[in-house]
Amino acid sequence: MSTNSLVDGWPGAPAVVVLKLDGGVVHRVAQVGDLDEVRPWASVSKVTVSLAFGIESDWDLHKFDEPAGPRGATIANLLSHSSGLGLEEGDAVVDVATKRIYSNYGVDLATRAILGEHSAQNWLAQRLFTPFGMNTTRLEGRPSSGVVGSTNDLVRLAVAWLRPDGISKETRNYLIAPYAPQLSGIVPGFGRFSPCPWGLGPEVQGEKHHWMGDWPAASFGHFGQSGALFLLNADEQIAVVATSTEPFGAWAVKLWPEWTSAMRQLALA
């Protein structure tokens, strides 16, 4: 596949890397675009927060079952969008673990619950950005959506999830397993799914048919309103990551299901 055809249908100037691990060694199967330009990751930020929480758990600093939200919600509820909180602070709420409501506020609240008034940027830098060599990456806003960084750094993050680096394999597997798997919910931009599986940060494919295309049920990842995309499979040891100059929109809803399927076949070829 030529580099031009790698991004057929993408508007703007996307940057894409398709990678596969073999014995822990990273092979970039294909890549295109400006991989060093710093771009917003938007909600892909949530998988950085998730991995940082995994480190907190492995270091016995915090546990996923500790209370961290209203009405008995735990850190796990907040990270998996099962806390009952709405998208933003002040939005309507439902009982804990009755519906999967996508909540930026919930992810921010989980972070604030363990950090208090301490800097989320410093926390992410200490837990992730510096140890993993993500030298262009920083938090410029709220933890749920404020990370900016290069596509090369997004590759480093993908490798940290796949090997995994920085956390135990058991913790990584816990983060990417469906939490409260029976819950129904809405994937922003792609509609309602019942069930709508989600891990503690990453979305999990399950039986959904949407932006993850024909990736297997255990595949996991996230996309953002910036047009960034992060999709992995730990069993197959493959990933595709992308950043974009074009925000998420109708083009992505139409393109991504077939495009991510083609990227998986490319990674496995």
Protein backbone atom coordinates (compact mmCIF):
# COMPACT_ATOMS: atom_id res chain seq x y z
CA MET A 1 0.00 0.00 0.00
CA SER A 2 1.42 3.37 -0.99
CA THR A 3 1.60 6.18 1.52
CA ASN A 4 -0.97 8.13 -0.47
CA SER A 5 -3.50 5.30 -0.40
CA LEU A 6 -2.88 4.84 3.33
CA VAL A 7 -4.94 7.96 3.98
CA ASP A 8 -7.41 7.81 1.09
CA GLY A 9 -10.54 9.67 2.13
CA TRP A 10 -8.96 11.57 5.01
CA PRO A 11 -9.46 15.35 4.78
CA GLY A 12 -6.73 17.74 5.82
CA ALA A 13 -3.24 16.48 6.64
CA PRO A 14 -3.50 13.31 8.72
CA ALA A 15 -0.50 11.59 10.29
CA VAL A 16 -0.84 7.82 10.64
CA VAL A 17 1.30 4.94 11.92
CA VAL A 18 0.39 1.26 11.64
CA LEU A 19 2.53 -0.92 13.88
CA LYS A 20 3.02 -4.47 15.02
CA LEU A 21 5.06 -5.91 17.88
CA ASP A 22 7.04 -9.12 17.37
CA GLY A 23 8.63 -10.43 20.54
CA GLY A 24 8.29 -6.97 22.01
CA VAL A 25 10.15 -5.36 19.09
CA VAL A 26 8.23 -2.58 17.36
CA HIS A 27 7.80 -2.76 13.59
CA ARG A 28 6.27 0.23 11.85
CA VAL A 29 4.34 -1.45 9.08
CA ALA A 30 3.35 1.84 7.43
CA GLN A 31 3.38 5.53 8.22
CA VAL A 32 2.50 8.81 6.58
CA GLY A 33 2.30 12.49 7.46
CA ASP A 34 4.11 14.83 9.81
CA LEU A 35 4.75 12.52 12.75
CA ASP A 36 6.52 15.18 14.84
CA GLU A 37 3.95 17.97 14.68
CA VAL A 38 2.27 18.54 18.04
CA ARG A 39 -1.49 18.18 17.69
CA PRO A 40 -4.44 17.90 20.10
CA TRP A 41 -5.45 14.37 21.06
CA ALA A 42 -8.81 15.45 22.55
CA SER A 43 -10.52 12.42 24.13
CA VAL A 44 -7.62 10.12 23.31
CA SER A 45 -6.33 11.87 26.45
CA LYS A 46 -8.48 9.41 28.41
CA VAL A 47 -6.16 6.51 27.61
CA THR A 48 -3.23 8.47 29.06
CA VAL A 49 -5.20 9.06 32.26
CA SER A 50 -6.18 5.37 32.32
CA LEU A 51 -2.58 4.20 32.07
CA ALA A 52 -1.54 6.63 34.81
CA PHE A 53 -4.24 5.18 37.06
CA GLY A 54 -2.87 1.72 36.27
CA ILE A 55 0.50 2.84 37.61
CA GLU A 56 -1.18 4.25 40.74
CA SER A 57 -2.79 0.83 41.28
CA ASP A 58 0.41 -1.15 40.74
CA TRP A 59 2.25 1.11 43.19
CA ASP A 60 -0.52 0.61 45.79
CA LEU A 61 -1.14 4.34 45.87
CA HIS A 62 -4.80 4.13 44.85
CA LYS A 63 -7.26 1.36 44.04
CA PHE A 64 -9.97 1.28 41.42
CA ASP A 65 -12.66 0.35 43.94
CA GLU A 66 -12.10 3.35 46.20
CA PRO A 67 -14.96 5.85 46.41
CA ALA A 68 -14.32 8.91 44.27
CA GLY A 69 -17.65 10.31 43.16
CA PRO A 70 -21.23 11.00 44.20
CA ARG A 71 -23.69 8.33 45.35
CA GLY A 72 -20.97 5.77 46.04
CA ALA A 73 -19.29 5.89 42.62
CA THR A 74 -15.76 4.51 42.51
CA ILE A 75 -12.72 5.39 40.42
CA ALA A 76 -13.63 2.42 38.21
CA ASN A 77 -17.14 3.80 37.68
CA LEU A 78 -15.77 7.21 36.76
CA LEU A 79 -13.21 5.87 34.28
CA SER A 80 -15.69 3.46 32.63
CA HIS A 81 -18.51 6.00 32.23
CA SER A 82 -20.71 3.96 34.58
CA SER A 83 -20.89 6.51 37.41
CA GLY A 84 -24.23 7.88 36.28
CA LEU A 85 -22.76 11.35 35.81
CA GLY A 86 -23.59 13.33 32.70
CA LEU A 87 -21.20 14.54 30.02
CA GLU A 88 -20.36 17.72 31.93
CA GLU A 89 -20.75 18.95 35.50
CA GLY A 90 -24.36 19.88 36.18
CA ASP A 91 -25.83 17.57 33.53
CA ALA A 92 -28.58 15.15 34.51
CA VAL A 93 -27.47 12.04 36.41
CA VAL A 94 -28.78 8.50 36.85
CA ASP A 95 -28.03 5.84 39.45
CA VAL A 96 -24.54 4.36 39.52
CA ALA A 97 -23.97 1.37 37.18
CA THR A 98 -27.37 1.55 35.48
CA LYS A 99 -26.39 3.13 32.17
CA ARG A 100 -23.16 3.98 30.40
CA ILE A 101 -23.22 7.75 30.03
CA TYR A 102 -20.12 9.17 28.36
CA SER A 103 -18.75 11.64 30.88
CA ASN A 104 -15.81 13.99 30.50
CA TYR A 105 -16.66 15.31 33.94
CA GLY A 106 -16.36 11.82 35.43
CA VAL A 107 -12.80 11.36 34.16
CA ASP A 108 -11.79 14.81 35.42
CA LEU A 109 -13.40 14.03 38.79
CA ALA A 110 -11.47 10.75 39.11
CA THR A 111 -8.23 12.63 38.53
CA ARG A 112 -9.13 15.36 40.98
CA ALA A 113 -10.12 12.76 43.59
CA ILE A 114 -6.54 11.49 43.84
CA LEU A 115 -4.65 14.70 43.12
CA GLY A 116 -6.65 17.32 44.98
CA GLU A 117 -5.17 20.67 44.04
CA HIS A 118 -1.95 19.16 42.71
CA SER A 119 -1.14 19.55 39.01
CA ALA A 120 -2.56 16.96 36.64
CA GLN A 121 0.10 17.97 34.09
CA ASN A 122 2.88 17.16 36.56
CA TRP A 123 1.20 13.87 37.47
CA LEU A 124 0.92 12.73 33.86
CA ALA A 125 4.46 13.90 33.12
CA GLN A 126 5.85 11.95 36.08
CA ARG A 127 3.81 8.81 35.47
CA LEU A 128 3.86 8.68 31.67
CA PHE A 129 5.32 11.39 29.51
CA THR A 130 8.84 11.47 30.93
CA PRO A 131 9.33 7.71 31.62
CA PHE A 132 8.04 6.72 28.18
CA GLY A 133 10.03 9.33 26.27
CA MET A 134 6.92 11.25 25.18
CA ASN A 135 8.93 14.44 24.98
CA THR A 136 6.48 16.51 22.94
CA THR A 137 3.43 15.57 25.00
CA ARG A 138 1.82 17.74 27.66
CA LEU A 139 -1.53 18.47 29.24
CA GLU A 140 -2.88 21.87 28.20
CA GLY A 141 -6.37 21.60 29.66
CA ARG A 142 -8.60 19.18 31.50
CA PRO A 143 -7.35 15.58 31.90
CA SER A 144 -10.27 14.11 29.96
CA SER A 145 -9.43 15.93 26.74
CA GLY A 146 -6.48 18.31 27.08
CA VAL A 147 -3.43 16.29 26.05
CA VAL A 148 -1.43 17.48 23.03
CA GLY A 149 1.49 15.66 21.47
CA SER A 150 3.06 14.29 18.32
CA THR A 151 1.96 11.20 16.45
CA ASN A 152 5.32 9.64 17.29
CA ASP A 153 4.50 10.07 20.97
CA LEU A 154 1.11 8.46 20.36
CA VAL A 155 3.05 5.48 18.98
CA ARG A 156 5.08 5.37 22.21
CA LEU A 157 1.84 5.33 24.17
CA ALA A 158 0.50 2.47 22.02
CA VAL A 159 3.63 0.43 22.66
CA ALA A 160 3.28 1.07 26.40
CA TRP A 161 -0.20 -0.45 26.24
CA LEU A 162 0.72 -3.40 24.03
CA ARG A 163 3.86 -4.73 25.74
CA PRO A 164 2.80 -3.41 28.36
CA ASP A 165 5.35 -0.92 29.73
CA GLY A 166 5.07 0.74 33.12
CA ILE A 167 2.27 -1.44 34.51
CA SER A 168 1.79 -5.13 35.11
CA LYS A 169 0.16 -7.22 32.42
CA GLU A 170 -2.60 -8.09 34.89
CA THR A 171 -3.39 -4.43 35.43
CA ARG A 172 -3.32 -3.71 31.69
CA ASN A 173 -5.74 -6.57 31.13
CA TYR A 174 -8.03 -5.22 33.85
CA LEU A 175 -8.06 -1.78 32.23
CA ILE A 176 -9.08 -3.17 28.83
CA ALA A 177 -11.68 -5.67 30.07
CA PRO A 178 -15.33 -4.56 29.85
CA TYR A 179 -16.42 -3.06 33.17
CA ALA A 180 -20.10 -3.55 33.99
CA PRO A 181 -20.32 -5.19 30.56
CA GLN A 182 -24.11 -5.40 30.52
CA LEU A 183 -24.65 -1.64 30.38
CA SER A 184 -26.05 0.02 27.29
CA GLY A 185 -24.91 3.43 26.18
CA ILE A 186 -24.03 5.81 23.37
CA VAL A 187 -20.70 6.10 21.57
CA PRO A 188 -20.52 9.78 20.62
CA GLY A 189 -20.98 10.16 16.88
CA PHE A 190 -21.89 6.51 16.32
CA GLY A 191 -25.11 5.99 18.24
CA ARG A 192 -26.55 3.69 20.89
CA PHE A 193 -25.31 0.18 21.55
CA SER A 194 -26.72 -2.48 23.86
CA PRO A 195 -24.52 -3.58 25.40
CA CYS A 196 -21.89 -0.85 25.09
CA PRO A 197 -18.70 -2.34 26.59
CA TRP A 198 -16.04 -0.03 27.98
CA GLY A 199 -12.88 -0.59 29.99
CA LEU A 200 -11.40 1.73 32.59
CA GLY A 201 -10.61 4.45 30.09
CA PRO A 202 -10.43 2.71 26.70
CA GLU A 203 -13.55 1.77 24.77
CA VAL A 204 -13.79 -1.98 24.06
CA GLN A 205 -15.07 -3.22 20.70
CA GLY A 206 -17.31 -6.07 21.86
CA GLU A 207 -20.01 -6.78 19.30
CA LYS A 208 -20.38 -3.17 18.22
CA HIS A 209 -20.14 -2.26 14.54
CA HIS A 210 -18.73 1.22 14.33
CA TRP A 211 -15.40 3.07 14.06
CA MET A 212 -13.36 -0.02 15.02
CA GLY A 213 -14.49 -1.82 11.87
CA ASP A 214 -13.91 -5.58 11.92
CA TRP A 215 -11.33 -5.56 14.72
CA PRO A 216 -11.90 -8.45 17.17
CA ALA A 217 -14.11 -8.07 20.23
CA ALA A 218 -11.19 -7.60 22.64
CA SER A 219 -9.78 -4.65 20.66
CA PHE A 220 -9.68 -1.35 22.52
CA GLY A 221 -8.94 2.31 22.02
CA HIS A 222 -10.39 5.77 21.74
CA PHE A 223 -10.90 8.61 19.30
CA GLY A 224 -11.20 12.33 19.86
CA GLN A 225 -13.05 15.34 18.55
CA SER A 226 -9.71 16.52 17.12
CA GLY A 227 -9.80 13.62 14.66
CA ALA A 228 -7.14 11.69 16.60
CA LEU A 229 -7.52 7.91 16.74
CA PHE A 230 -5.95 5.15 18.86
CA LEU A 231 -6.89 1.50 18.20
CA LEU A 232 -5.09 -1.59 19.51
CA ASN A 233 -5.36 -5.34 19.93
CA ALA A 234 -3.22 -6.89 22.66
CA ASP A 235 -3.65 -10.47 21.42
CA GLU A 236 -2.62 -9.65 17.86
CA GLN A 237 -0.03 -7.11 19.10
CA ILE A 238 -1.07 -4.51 16.53
CA ALA A 239 -2.10 -0.88 16.61
CA VAL A 240 -3.05 2.03 14.40
CA VAL A 241 -2.68 5.59 15.66
CA ALA A 242 -3.52 8.83 13.92
CA THR A 243 -3.69 12.56 14.46
CA SER A 244 -5.52 14.97 12.23
CA THR A 245 -5.79 18.59 11.17
CA GLU A 246 -9.49 18.02 10.48
CA PRO A 247 -11.85 17.67 13.47
CA PHE A 248 -14.02 14.58 13.84
CA GLY A 249 -17.18 14.79 11.80
CA ALA A 250 -19.41 13.04 9.28
CA TRP A 251 -16.33 12.18 7.19
CA ALA A 252 -14.95 10.05 10.04
CA VAL A 253 -18.25 8.32 10.75
CA LYS A 254 -18.34 7.25 7.10
CA LEU A 255 -14.64 6.51 6.61
CA TRP A 256 -13.34 4.93 9.77
CA PRO A 257 -15.24 1.60 9.86
CA GLU A 258 -13.76 0.47 6.54
CA TRP A 259 -10.46 2.31 7.04
CA THR A 260 -9.66 0.74 10.41
CA SER A 261 -10.53 -2.68 8.96
CA ALA A 262 -8.03 -2.12 6.15
CA MET A 263 -5.38 -0.95 8.64
CA ARG A 264 -5.80 -4.16 10.64
CA GLN A 265 -5.29 -6.28 7.54
CA LEU A 266 -2.21 -4.22 6.70
CA ALA A 267 -0.78 -4.73 10.18
CA LEU A 268 -1.35 -8.48 10.03
CA ALA A 269 -0.08 -8.96 6.47
